[in-house]
Protein backbone atom coordinates (compact mmCIF):
# COMPACT_ATOMS: atom_id res chain seq x y z
CA MET A 1 42.55 -52.82 -217.73
CA GLY A 2 46.76 -52.37 -217.87
CA ALA A 3 48.98 -49.63 -218.24
CA LEU A 4 48.65 -46.69 -220.46
CA PRO A 5 50.53 -47.43 -223.41
CA THR A 6 53.38 -45.30 -224.38
CA SER A 7 51.20 -43.76 -227.57
CA CYS A 8 49.63 -42.10 -224.91
CA VAL A 9 50.30 -38.28 -224.09
CA VAL A 10 50.77 -37.63 -220.55
CA ALA A 11 50.33 -33.63 -219.03
CA VAL A 12 51.76 -32.73 -216.01
CA VAL A 13 50.02 -29.38 -214.67
CA GLY A 14 52.68 -27.57 -212.03
CA ALA A 15 56.06 -27.35 -213.05
CA GLY A 16 57.89 -27.12 -209.16
CA ALA A 17 60.23 -29.74 -207.89
CA MET A 18 57.48 -33.24 -207.82
CA GLY A 19 55.77 -31.90 -211.39
CA ALA A 20 59.15 -31.57 -213.26
CA GLY A 21 59.72 -35.39 -211.54
CA ILE A 22 56.68 -36.50 -212.86
CA ALA A 23 56.78 -35.34 -216.06
CA GLN A 24 60.63 -36.34 -216.28
CA VAL A 25 59.05 -39.90 -215.13
CA ALA A 26 56.55 -40.25 -217.59
CA ALA A 27 58.87 -39.25 -220.39
CA GLN A 28 61.92 -41.72 -219.20
CA ALA A 29 59.02 -44.24 -219.58
CA GLY A 30 58.95 -43.14 -223.45
CA HIS A 31 55.62 -40.90 -223.34
CA ALA A 32 54.95 -37.68 -225.09
CA VAL A 33 54.80 -35.02 -222.06
CA LEU A 34 53.03 -32.02 -221.96
CA LEU A 35 54.14 -29.81 -218.74
CA PHE A 36 52.17 -26.53 -218.00
CA ASP A 37 52.44 -23.79 -215.10
CA ALA A 38 50.12 -20.58 -215.13
CA MET A 39 53.05 -18.67 -213.22
CA GLU A 40 54.64 -17.15 -216.44
CA GLY A 41 58.29 -18.85 -217.21
CA ALA A 42 57.74 -21.76 -214.86
CA ALA A 43 57.29 -24.72 -216.95
CA GLN A 44 59.82 -23.55 -219.30
CA LYS A 45 62.30 -23.19 -216.12
CA GLY A 46 60.77 -27.02 -214.90
CA ARG A 47 61.72 -28.00 -217.95
CA ALA A 48 65.36 -26.60 -217.91
CA GLY A 49 65.78 -28.39 -214.80
CA ILE A 50 65.15 -31.29 -216.03
CA LEU A 51 67.60 -31.37 -218.55
CA ALA A 52 70.36 -29.76 -216.20
CA GLY A 53 70.11 -32.80 -214.16
CA LEU A 54 69.84 -35.18 -216.73
CA GLY A 55 73.03 -32.99 -218.21
CA LYS A 56 74.69 -34.11 -215.01
CA LEU A 57 74.01 -38.31 -215.73
CA VAL A 58 75.73 -37.45 -219.00
CA GLU A 59 78.55 -35.94 -217.77
CA LYS A 60 78.90 -38.71 -215.18
CA GLY A 61 78.83 -41.11 -217.68
CA LYS A 62 75.60 -42.41 -216.44
CA LEU A 63 73.10 -41.91 -219.12
CA PRO A 64 74.29 -41.58 -223.20
CA ALA A 65 73.72 -38.21 -224.33
CA GLU A 66 71.33 -39.58 -226.83
CA ALA A 67 69.01 -40.87 -224.47
CA ARG A 68 68.91 -37.36 -222.88
CA ASP A 69 68.30 -36.11 -226.31
CA ALA A 70 65.43 -38.42 -227.00
CA LEU A 71 64.04 -37.45 -223.22
CA ALA A 72 64.41 -34.08 -223.94
CA ALA A 73 62.35 -34.26 -227.42
CA ARG A 74 59.48 -35.61 -225.53
CA ILE A 75 59.07 -33.36 -223.43
CA ALA A 76 57.11 -29.86 -224.25
CA VAL A 77 56.12 -26.82 -222.75
CA ALA A 78 52.09 -26.19 -223.24
CA PRO A 79 50.88 -22.26 -223.58
CA SER A 80 47.35 -23.00 -221.84
CA LEU A 81 45.30 -25.46 -219.97
CA ASP A 82 43.04 -25.76 -223.20
CA ALA A 83 46.60 -27.37 -225.17
CA LEU A 84 46.42 -30.16 -222.81
CA ALA A 85 42.96 -31.72 -224.65
CA GLY A 86 44.68 -34.40 -226.41
CA ALA A 87 45.87 -36.06 -222.71
CA GLY A 88 45.28 -39.19 -221.93
CA LEU A 89 46.52 -39.05 -218.07
CA VAL A 90 46.34 -35.61 -216.91
CA VAL A 91 48.34 -35.52 -213.33
CA GLU A 92 47.97 -32.32 -211.14
CA ALA A 93 51.06 -31.08 -208.80
CA ILE A 94 50.37 -27.52 -207.67
CA VAL A 95 50.09 -26.05 -204.51
CA GLU A 96 47.92 -27.77 -201.74
CA ARG A 97 45.33 -25.65 -201.92
CA LEU A 98 41.97 -26.94 -202.30
CA GLU A 99 40.10 -24.18 -203.75
CA VAL A 100 42.73 -24.06 -206.60
CA LYS A 101 42.90 -27.67 -207.44
CA ARG A 102 39.33 -27.56 -207.74
CA GLN A 103 39.27 -25.01 -210.22
CA VAL A 104 42.03 -26.59 -212.33
CA PHE A 105 40.16 -30.00 -212.48
CA ALA A 106 37.07 -28.28 -214.08
CA ALA A 107 38.82 -26.20 -216.40
CA LEU A 108 40.69 -29.80 -217.20
CA GLU A 109 36.90 -31.55 -217.02
CA ALA A 110 35.80 -28.95 -219.80
CA VAL A 111 38.65 -29.85 -222.53
CA LEU A 112 39.99 -33.48 -222.31
CA ALA A 113 38.18 -36.25 -223.99
CA PRO A 114 35.77 -38.08 -221.85
CA ASP A 115 37.77 -41.00 -220.89
CA ALA A 116 40.97 -39.00 -220.15
CA ILE A 117 42.08 -39.37 -216.41
CA LEU A 118 42.60 -37.18 -213.71
CA ALA A 119 44.95 -37.57 -211.22
CA SER A 120 46.51 -35.63 -208.56
CA ASN A 121 49.69 -35.68 -206.74
CA THR A 122 48.36 -33.94 -203.49
CA SER A 123 49.59 -35.41 -199.94
CA SER A 124 47.02 -34.27 -198.03
CA LEU A 125 43.97 -33.29 -199.62
CA SER A 126 40.83 -35.36 -199.97
CA ILE A 127 39.94 -36.62 -203.33
CA PRO A 128 36.74 -37.06 -203.06
CA ALA A 129 36.77 -32.81 -202.14
CA ILE A 130 38.81 -32.21 -205.26
CA ALA A 131 36.47 -34.00 -207.45
CA ALA A 132 33.58 -32.59 -205.84
CA GLY A 133 31.55 -30.75 -208.33
CA LEU A 134 32.85 -32.22 -211.27
CA LYS A 135 30.53 -34.23 -213.80
CA HIS A 136 32.45 -37.28 -213.59
CA PRO A 137 34.13 -37.56 -210.75
CA GLU A 138 34.87 -41.14 -211.08
CA ARG A 139 37.58 -40.68 -213.73
CA VAL A 140 39.56 -38.83 -210.69
CA ALA A 141 42.29 -40.37 -208.03
CA GLY A 142 45.18 -39.92 -206.41
CA LEU A 143 48.38 -40.40 -208.09
CA HIS A 144 50.77 -39.69 -205.25
CA PHE A 145 54.83 -39.37 -206.11
CA PHE A 146 57.57 -39.01 -203.41
CA ASN A 147 60.23 -36.55 -203.97
CA PRO A 148 62.22 -37.28 -205.61
CA ALA A 149 59.90 -38.21 -207.80
CA PRO A 150 62.52 -39.96 -210.48
CA VAL A 151 64.21 -41.60 -207.76
CA MET A 152 61.68 -42.72 -205.15
CA LYS A 153 60.00 -46.01 -205.76
CA LEU A 154 56.70 -45.59 -204.24
CA VAL A 155 53.25 -44.16 -205.64
CA GLU A 156 50.11 -44.32 -203.28
CA ILE A 157 46.95 -45.05 -206.01
CA VAL A 158 44.71 -43.32 -203.71
CA ALA A 159 40.75 -44.08 -204.53
CA GLY A 160 38.16 -41.50 -203.83
CA LEU A 161 34.74 -41.88 -203.25
CA ALA A 162 33.38 -41.98 -206.56
CA SER A 163 36.89 -43.48 -208.25
CA GLY A 164 36.32 -45.91 -210.88
CA ARG A 165 38.03 -49.22 -210.47
CA ALA A 166 39.19 -49.26 -214.09
CA VAL A 167 40.53 -45.47 -213.01
CA LEU A 168 42.56 -47.10 -210.05
CA ASP A 169 43.73 -50.38 -211.82
CA THR A 170 45.18 -48.44 -214.94
CA LEU A 171 47.03 -45.82 -212.67
CA PHE A 172 48.25 -49.04 -210.44
CA ASP A 173 49.49 -50.69 -213.81
CA THR A 174 50.61 -47.52 -215.48
CA ALA A 175 52.82 -46.43 -212.18
CA ARG A 176 54.16 -50.17 -212.24
CA ALA A 177 55.60 -49.82 -216.09
CA TRP A 178 56.96 -46.73 -215.14
CA GLY A 179 59.73 -48.52 -212.78
CA LYS A 180 57.68 -47.48 -209.66
CA VAL A 181 56.38 -49.53 -206.58
CA PRO A 182 52.27 -48.69 -206.49
CA VAL A 183 50.12 -49.63 -203.71
CA HIS A 184 46.68 -48.77 -203.14
CA ALA A 185 44.71 -46.61 -200.52
CA THR A 186 41.53 -45.04 -199.44
CA SER A 187 41.61 -41.00 -199.32
CA THR A 188 41.57 -40.69 -195.60
CA PRO A 189 44.27 -37.77 -194.19
CA GLY A 190 47.83 -38.72 -194.62
CA PHE A 191 46.82 -41.92 -196.96
CA ILE A 192 49.24 -44.10 -195.76
CA VAL A 193 53.23 -42.98 -195.43
CA ASN A 194 51.88 -39.64 -194.19
CA ARG A 195 50.19 -41.45 -191.40
CA VAL A 196 51.79 -43.99 -190.57
CA ALA A 197 54.94 -41.74 -190.34
CA ARG A 198 53.66 -39.35 -187.66
CA PRO A 199 54.97 -41.62 -184.30
CA PHE A 200 58.58 -41.25 -185.97
CA TYR A 201 58.37 -38.13 -185.33
CA ALA A 202 55.99 -37.44 -182.32
CA GLU A 203 58.26 -40.08 -180.38
CA GLY A 204 61.42 -38.90 -180.62
CA LEU A 205 60.35 -35.25 -179.96
CA ARG A 206 58.38 -36.45 -176.91
CA LEU A 207 61.36 -38.35 -175.48
CA GLU A 208 63.12 -35.65 -176.18
CA GLU A 209 61.01 -33.06 -174.49
CA GLU A 210 60.90 -35.41 -171.39
CA GLY A 211 64.63 -35.33 -171.09
CA ALA A 212 65.48 -39.10 -172.07
CA ALA A 213 68.37 -37.91 -174.39
CA ASP A 214 69.22 -34.67 -176.65
CA PRO A 215 68.85 -35.32 -180.37
CA ALA A 216 71.96 -36.53 -181.63
CA THR A 217 71.86 -39.39 -179.14
CA ILE A 218 68.26 -40.41 -180.03
CA ASP A 219 68.97 -40.19 -183.69
CA ALA A 220 72.30 -42.69 -183.08
CA VAL A 221 70.52 -44.89 -181.51
CA MET A 222 67.29 -44.91 -184.23
CA ARG A 223 70.80 -45.42 -186.73
CA GLU A 224 73.01 -47.47 -185.36
CA ALA A 225 70.43 -49.85 -182.95
CA GLY A 226 67.18 -49.68 -184.74
CA GLY A 227 68.57 -49.48 -188.15
CA PHE A 228 66.85 -46.33 -189.45
CA ARG A 229 69.03 -44.43 -192.33
CA MET A 230 68.30 -41.42 -190.50
CA GLY A 231 67.39 -40.43 -186.85
CA PRO A 232 63.94 -38.28 -185.96
CA PHE A 233 65.95 -35.32 -185.66
CA GLU A 234 68.02 -35.22 -188.87
CA LEU A 235 65.08 -36.01 -190.89
CA MET A 236 62.66 -33.14 -189.93
CA ASP A 237 65.86 -31.27 -190.36
CA LEU A 238 66.17 -32.21 -194.06
CA ILE A 239 62.71 -31.97 -194.71
CA GLY A 240 62.23 -29.09 -192.99
CA HIS A 241 60.40 -27.93 -189.63
CA ASP A 242 57.92 -25.55 -191.47
CA VAL A 243 56.70 -28.61 -194.24
CA ASN A 244 57.23 -31.21 -191.22
CA PHE A 245 54.80 -29.76 -188.50
CA ALA A 246 52.26 -28.55 -191.22
CA VAL A 247 51.74 -32.01 -192.01
CA THR A 248 51.50 -33.06 -188.50
CA ARG A 249 48.50 -30.10 -187.46
CA SER A 250 46.91 -31.06 -191.00
CA VAL A 251 46.50 -34.88 -190.02
CA PHE A 252 45.82 -33.81 -186.35
CA GLN A 253 42.64 -31.38 -187.32
CA ALA A 254 41.79 -33.47 -189.79
CA TYR A 255 41.00 -36.51 -187.32
CA PHE A 256 39.13 -34.27 -185.17
CA ASN A 257 42.34 -33.69 -182.74
CA ASP A 258 42.94 -36.94 -182.30
CA PRO A 259 45.71 -37.11 -179.23
CA ARG A 260 47.94 -39.74 -181.52
CA TYR A 261 48.63 -36.82 -184.02
CA ARG A 262 49.20 -34.19 -181.23
CA PRO A 263 51.72 -31.85 -182.92
CA SER A 264 54.83 -30.89 -180.79
CA LEU A 265 55.02 -27.44 -178.78
CA THR A 266 58.94 -27.97 -179.54
CA GLN A 267 58.53 -27.99 -182.91
CA GLN A 268 56.04 -25.25 -183.08
CA GLU A 269 58.88 -22.91 -181.22
CA LEU A 270 61.18 -23.57 -183.80
CA VAL A 271 59.39 -22.81 -186.90
CA ALA A 272 58.29 -19.71 -184.88
CA ALA A 273 61.85 -19.07 -184.47
CA GLY A 274 62.47 -19.40 -188.03
CA TRP A 275 64.69 -22.62 -187.53
CA LEU A 276 63.45 -24.69 -190.25
CA GLY A 277 66.15 -27.01 -190.38
CA ARG A 278 68.70 -27.52 -193.29
CA LYS A 279 67.24 -24.85 -195.14
CA SER A 280 67.58 -22.03 -192.78
CA GLY A 281 70.96 -23.34 -191.56
CA ARG A 282 69.77 -24.20 -187.95
CA GLY A 283 67.37 -26.30 -186.69
CA PHE A 284 67.56 -29.13 -183.85
CA TYR A 285 71.16 -29.13 -185.34
CA ASP A 286 73.74 -26.42 -186.62
CA HIS A 287 74.20 -26.40 -190.31
CA ALA A 288 75.90 -23.29 -190.84
CA PRO A 289 79.54 -23.92 -192.63
CA GLY A 290 81.93 -25.09 -190.43
CA ALA A 291 79.79 -25.87 -187.57
CA ALA A 292 80.90 -28.86 -185.63
CA PRO A 293 78.64 -32.14 -185.82
CA ALA A 294 77.08 -33.06 -183.12
CA THR A 295 77.75 -36.25 -181.18
CA ALA A 296 75.91 -39.19 -179.24
CA ALA A 297 76.63 -39.34 -175.49
CA THR A 298 78.28 -42.55 -175.22
CA LEU A 299 79.47 -43.88 -171.80
CA PRO A 300 82.76 -44.86 -170.85
CA ALA A 301 84.58 -48.07 -170.90
CA GLY A 302 82.87 -50.10 -168.52
CA PRO A 303 84.19 -53.28 -166.55
CA ALA A 304 84.84 -56.40 -168.97
CA PRO A 305 82.01 -59.09 -167.87
CA SER A 306 82.84 -62.31 -165.84
CA ALA A 307 79.94 -64.58 -164.92
CA VAL A 308 76.94 -63.98 -167.60
CA ALA A 309 74.03 -66.40 -166.67
CA ILE A 310 70.57 -65.99 -168.69
CA GLU A 311 67.79 -66.87 -166.91
CA GLY A 312 64.46 -67.53 -169.12
CA ASP A 313 63.70 -66.42 -172.38
CA PRO A 314 64.26 -62.93 -173.23
CA GLY A 315 62.58 -62.91 -176.26
CA PRO A 316 63.70 -60.72 -179.26
CA ALA A 317 66.95 -60.06 -177.50
CA GLU A 318 67.59 -64.06 -177.80
CA PRO A 319 70.15 -63.09 -180.35
CA LEU A 320 72.45 -61.92 -177.40
CA ALA A 321 72.65 -65.64 -176.62
CA GLY A 322 74.50 -66.43 -179.66
CA LEU A 323 76.71 -63.20 -179.63
CA LEU A 324 77.80 -64.14 -176.10
CA ALA A 325 78.77 -67.47 -176.72
CA ARG A 326 81.05 -66.69 -179.92
CA GLY A 327 82.33 -63.63 -178.05
CA GLY A 328 83.74 -66.37 -175.23
CA ILE A 329 81.72 -64.75 -172.36
CA GLY A 330 78.43 -66.80 -172.63
CA GLY A 331 77.25 -68.62 -169.68
CA PRO A 332 74.65 -71.18 -168.34
CA ARG A 333 70.83 -71.12 -169.60
CA HIS A 334 68.48 -71.70 -166.59
CA PRO A 335 64.54 -71.13 -166.11
CA GLY A 336 63.80 -67.47 -164.92
CA PRO A 337 61.97 -64.32 -165.99
CA GLY A 338 64.16 -63.52 -169.56
CA LEU A 339 66.88 -61.95 -167.45
CA ILE A 340 70.91 -61.71 -168.30
CA ARG A 341 72.37 -61.59 -164.79
CA LEU A 342 76.02 -60.21 -164.24
CA ASP A 343 78.71 -59.50 -161.23
CA GLY A 344 76.67 -56.61 -159.92
CA ALA A 345 73.68 -56.17 -163.20
CA SER A 346 70.28 -57.43 -163.86
CA LEU A 347 69.75 -57.09 -167.72
CA ALA A 348 66.35 -57.15 -169.39
CA LEU A 349 64.85 -56.05 -172.75
CA THR A 350 62.68 -53.08 -172.43
CA ASP A 351 58.64 -54.04 -172.24
CA GLY A 352 57.41 -50.80 -172.01
CA ARG A 353 57.78 -50.18 -168.36
CA THR A 354 60.61 -48.19 -166.65
CA ALA A 355 62.87 -49.67 -164.91
CA THR A 356 62.47 -48.09 -161.62
CA ALA A 357 58.62 -49.21 -161.96
CA ARG A 358 59.30 -53.01 -162.48
CA VAL A 359 61.79 -52.82 -159.74
CA ALA A 360 58.40 -51.39 -157.62
CA ALA A 361 56.85 -54.10 -158.94
CA GLY A 362 59.49 -57.27 -157.90
CA ASP A 363 62.00 -57.25 -160.11
CA PRO A 364 65.76 -57.28 -159.27
CA SER A 365 67.38 -54.10 -157.61
CA ASP A 366 69.88 -53.97 -160.20
CA LEU A 367 67.89 -54.08 -162.83
CA VAL A 368 68.88 -52.23 -166.30
CA LEU A 369 67.07 -52.38 -169.57
CA PHE A 370 68.29 -52.04 -172.70
CA ASP A 371 66.48 -50.69 -176.19
CA LEU A 372 65.13 -53.34 -179.25
CA ALA A 373 67.65 -53.60 -182.21
CA LEU A 374 66.73 -54.41 -185.46
CA ASP A 375 69.39 -56.81 -185.59
CA TYR A 376 71.66 -57.43 -182.38
CA GLY A 377 74.34 -59.03 -184.13
CA SER A 378 75.03 -55.86 -186.57
CA ALA A 379 74.10 -52.87 -184.18
CA ARG A 380 76.76 -50.65 -183.50
CA ARG A 381 75.30 -48.82 -180.50
CA ILE A 382 72.37 -49.97 -177.65
CA ALA A 383 70.72 -47.79 -175.53
CA LEU A 384 70.32 -48.36 -171.08
CA ALA A 385 68.41 -47.02 -168.87
CA THR A 386 68.98 -48.02 -165.35
CA ALA A 387 66.55 -48.20 -162.00
CA ASP A 388 66.31 -45.34 -159.58
CA GLN A 389 67.07 -47.98 -157.27
CA ALA A 390 70.24 -49.42 -158.88
CA ALA A 391 73.70 -48.41 -158.08
CA GLU A 392 75.61 -46.66 -160.80
CA SER A 393 77.78 -49.41 -160.72
CA ALA A 394 74.82 -51.76 -162.62
CA ARG A 395 75.11 -49.32 -165.30
CA ALA A 396 78.82 -49.80 -165.66
CA ALA A 397 78.76 -53.07 -165.88
CA ALA A 398 75.74 -53.76 -168.10
CA ALA A 399 77.65 -51.10 -170.36
CA GLY A 400 80.66 -53.00 -170.31
CA LEU A 401 78.89 -56.48 -171.20
CA PHE A 402 77.35 -54.43 -174.54
CA GLN A 403 80.95 -52.88 -175.01
CA ALA A 404 82.81 -56.51 -174.80
CA LEU A 405 79.86 -57.41 -177.82
CA GLY A 406 81.61 -54.52 -180.05
CA LYS A 407 78.72 -51.77 -179.37
CA SER A 408 78.98 -48.40 -178.45
CA VAL A 409 76.37 -47.65 -175.68
CA SER A 410 74.43 -44.99 -174.67
CA ALA A 411 72.78 -43.86 -171.51
CA LEU A 412 69.08 -42.73 -171.29
CA ASP A 413 67.20 -41.00 -168.52
CA ASP A 414 64.56 -43.76 -167.38
CA VAL A 415 61.84 -43.39 -169.61
CA PRO A 416 58.78 -45.86 -170.45
CA GLY A 417 59.54 -47.95 -173.53
CA LEU A 418 63.13 -46.18 -174.43
CA VAL A 419 63.93 -45.03 -177.88
CA VAL A 420 63.50 -47.94 -180.51
CA LEU A 421 61.02 -50.39 -179.38
CA ARG A 422 58.89 -46.99 -178.19
CA THR A 423 59.08 -45.71 -181.77
CA VAL A 424 58.28 -49.11 -183.81
CA ALA A 425 55.14 -50.04 -181.16
CA MET A 426 53.61 -46.81 -182.27
CA LEU A 427 54.50 -47.44 -185.92
CA ALA A 428 53.03 -51.01 -185.82
CA ASN A 429 50.12 -49.47 -184.22
CA GLU A 430 49.25 -46.76 -186.23
CA ALA A 431 49.77 -49.50 -189.04
CA ALA A 432 47.36 -51.70 -187.59
CA GLU A 433 44.90 -49.01 -187.28
CA ALA A 434 45.14 -47.87 -191.12
CA VAL A 435 44.61 -51.47 -191.92
CA ARG A 436 41.76 -51.58 -189.83
CA ALA A 437 40.20 -48.32 -191.47
CA GLY A 438 40.62 -50.02 -194.49
CA VAL A 439 43.11 -47.28 -195.36
CA ALA A 440 45.30 -50.48 -197.09
CA SER A 441 46.18 -53.83 -197.20
CA ALA A 442 48.78 -55.18 -194.27
CA ALA A 443 50.94 -55.93 -197.17
CA ASP A 444 50.59 -52.30 -199.18
CA VAL A 445 50.97 -50.68 -195.75
CA ASP A 446 54.19 -52.19 -195.56
CA LEU A 447 55.55 -51.89 -198.98
CA ALA A 448 54.75 -47.88 -198.43
CA MET A 449 56.40 -47.68 -195.23
CA THR A 450 59.81 -49.12 -196.50
CA PHE A 451 59.96 -47.63 -200.18
CA GLY A 452 58.41 -44.64 -199.39
CA VAL A 453 60.32 -43.92 -195.88
CA ASN A 454 63.01 -46.50 -196.53
CA TYR A 455 62.26 -47.68 -193.08
CA PRO A 456 64.55 -51.13 -192.66
CA ARG A 457 61.54 -53.18 -192.14
CA GLY A 458 57.67 -52.80 -192.81
CA PRO A 459 56.60 -51.88 -189.30
CA LEU A 460 53.83 -54.91 -189.21
CA ALA A 461 56.21 -57.37 -190.29
CA TRP A 462 58.80 -55.55 -187.53
CA ALA A 463 55.60 -56.26 -185.13
CA ASP A 464 55.48 -59.88 -185.87
CA ALA A 465 59.08 -60.29 -185.37
CA VAL A 466 59.08 -58.73 -182.21
CA GLY A 467 55.59 -60.76 -181.41
CA PRO A 468 52.51 -58.78 -181.38
CA ALA A 469 51.56 -59.69 -177.75
CA ARG A 470 54.51 -57.63 -176.77
CA ILE A 471 54.01 -54.96 -178.99
CA LEU A 472 50.41 -54.26 -177.57
CA ALA A 473 52.26 -54.82 -174.08
CA ALA A 474 54.27 -52.20 -174.61
CA LEU A 475 51.67 -49.95 -175.93
CA ASP A 476 49.22 -50.49 -172.62
CA ALA A 477 52.61 -50.10 -170.59
CA LEU A 478 52.82 -46.52 -172.19
CA GLN A 479 49.25 -45.93 -172.10
CA ALA A 480 49.22 -46.55 -168.40
CA ALA A 481 52.71 -44.67 -167.69
CA TYR A 482 51.44 -41.35 -169.47
CA GLY A 483 47.49 -41.70 -168.78
CA ASP A 484 47.33 -40.66 -172.74
CA ASP A 485 45.15 -42.40 -175.25
CA ARG A 486 47.91 -41.31 -178.05
CA TYR A 487 49.56 -44.71 -176.79
CA ARG A 488 45.59 -46.74 -177.29
CA GLY A 489 46.17 -49.98 -178.78
CA SER A 490 44.77 -50.92 -182.39
CA GLN A 491 41.51 -52.68 -182.13
CA HIS A 492 42.56 -54.69 -185.09
CA LEU A 493 46.25 -55.50 -182.82
CA ARG A 494 44.02 -56.39 -180.02
CA ARG A 495 42.06 -59.03 -182.07
CA ARG A 496 44.79 -60.77 -183.54
CA VAL A 497 46.64 -61.06 -180.52
CA ALA A 498 43.75 -62.49 -178.87
CA ALA A 499 43.58 -64.84 -181.85
CA GLY A 500 47.18 -65.69 -182.52
CA GLN A 501 46.99 -64.61 -185.65
CA ALA A 502 50.21 -62.42 -187.39
CA LEU A 503 49.59 -59.03 -188.27
CA THR A 504 51.16 -59.39 -191.93
CA GLY A 505 48.56 -62.35 -192.31
C-alpha cells in the first residue's frame, strides 16, 4: 500500500505527553496535524509544550529556527472531534479506559471519511475490544509508540481480529516513513514489549526478595556484566512503581493469573507506601536532593592467581581463555567438565543450579559459580556465588582471578541461575513463547526489545549465542529448584532444541 502521503492530514486525540509526542513526529514528517483534547486548554498546552521543546533545540543549535517555525505552522488545535473530519489518519492517545476509547472511536467513525484509518496508541488494551461495536472495525489497528515518541524508534503495529491487511501495511509503511522502526504484532496482552519485558523486572524483584543481593548490586551486575543500560531497580524507579506494577498486574490478570507474570509483593508495598521512585523522591533508592548514591557491594582484592588450567569446554565463557592468555595468566587446556581450576577454587559458569546443589551432585567441593556476561572482554563486573561446602578462601581465589583481568567482583548468595543468566533465560523464554503464540515473528521480537527498551541484544539472538539447549537447561533447573511453573520452558524453545535449530532461524 505504501505510506500515507504528506498531503494526508493526521489527527491526534489526546494531548498529553504521548499524544503531543506523536503529533510532533507526524508534523516533523511533513503532515498537517490536528491536535484535540476534551479537557479545556489541554490541546493548547500540548502544542505549547511541543514548541517549547523545539525551542530548546534551536537554542542549542540542533534545529534551525526556520524548521521550528515550519513545524509549528503544521500543528493546529482542533476545537472538537467534528473538526477532525478531514483527517486520513486519527491516532487516539487518551486515558487507558476501554469504555472511554470506545466512545471516542464511535464518535470518530461518525465524522470521518470511510477510508480514514483509526489507530489506538494503547499499550495494554485489546484492539478488538476497542473496535467492538463499530460498523467498520477493519479500519482499526494499534499504533503503539514508546515514550518519548519523538526519540524512541520502536512502533508496534497491532492487528486486531478484524484489522484490514491494507490498514496494517499502510501504518507499517507510514511509521517507517516517519523514521521509526515498525514491527507487526497481534493484539494479545502486552503486545511484544510489555509482555516480553516482564521477567526483566520480575527476576530482579525475586532475587532481591530472596536475599541474593541488594538492589544496587543487582543493578550493577546487570549493567556492567549484562550490558543493559539500566538495572531493573533503577529502571522501575524511573518508570514509576505505580505504572510498572499496574502493567504487571494487568498482564497477569489478562493471562488468567499465569505464574510467569505474577506481580511482586515488594513492589505492591512500595506503591502502597507512595514510594513510587524518582517522581516521589523515594523508591528502591533515595532520590532526595543531596542523597548519597547507592553503591554495589564489591569484594576486596583476592590473591593473584598462580596456576590456572581450563578443563573441557567452558561454553559461553570460552572468551575467558583468551583473556587469561593475553593477561599472561593462561594455563594448559585439559579434557574435563568445563571448569577453570585455580589453587583453592574450581570455577564454572552457572547452569541454573546452585553451587551447593552441584557439589552435592558430584562437582568439586571448592566450586565457585560465575555469572553470564554479554561480553567477557568488555564486562566491568562479574558476579560470583560459592557453594556452602566451599571454604571462604575459594571465593577469594575466584575473585582474584577476575580482578587480575581488570574486573570488579560482586558476591551473591548461592541462588539458582545468578543474575544475568537467569534474567536472559527468562527473557528468551518469554520471547520464544510470544513467537509460539503468533504474537510476532522472531525477528520482530528481537527488533522490538532492542529498539523499544534498549536491550543490548535481542533475547532470541542472545539465547542463540549462549545456546538454546543451555537456556532450556537453565530454565529446567530453575523450575526444579523452585517448583514454580513460572520457569516452565516454552514448547517453541523445546522443539527448537530437539531439532537442533536456532531460535532466530
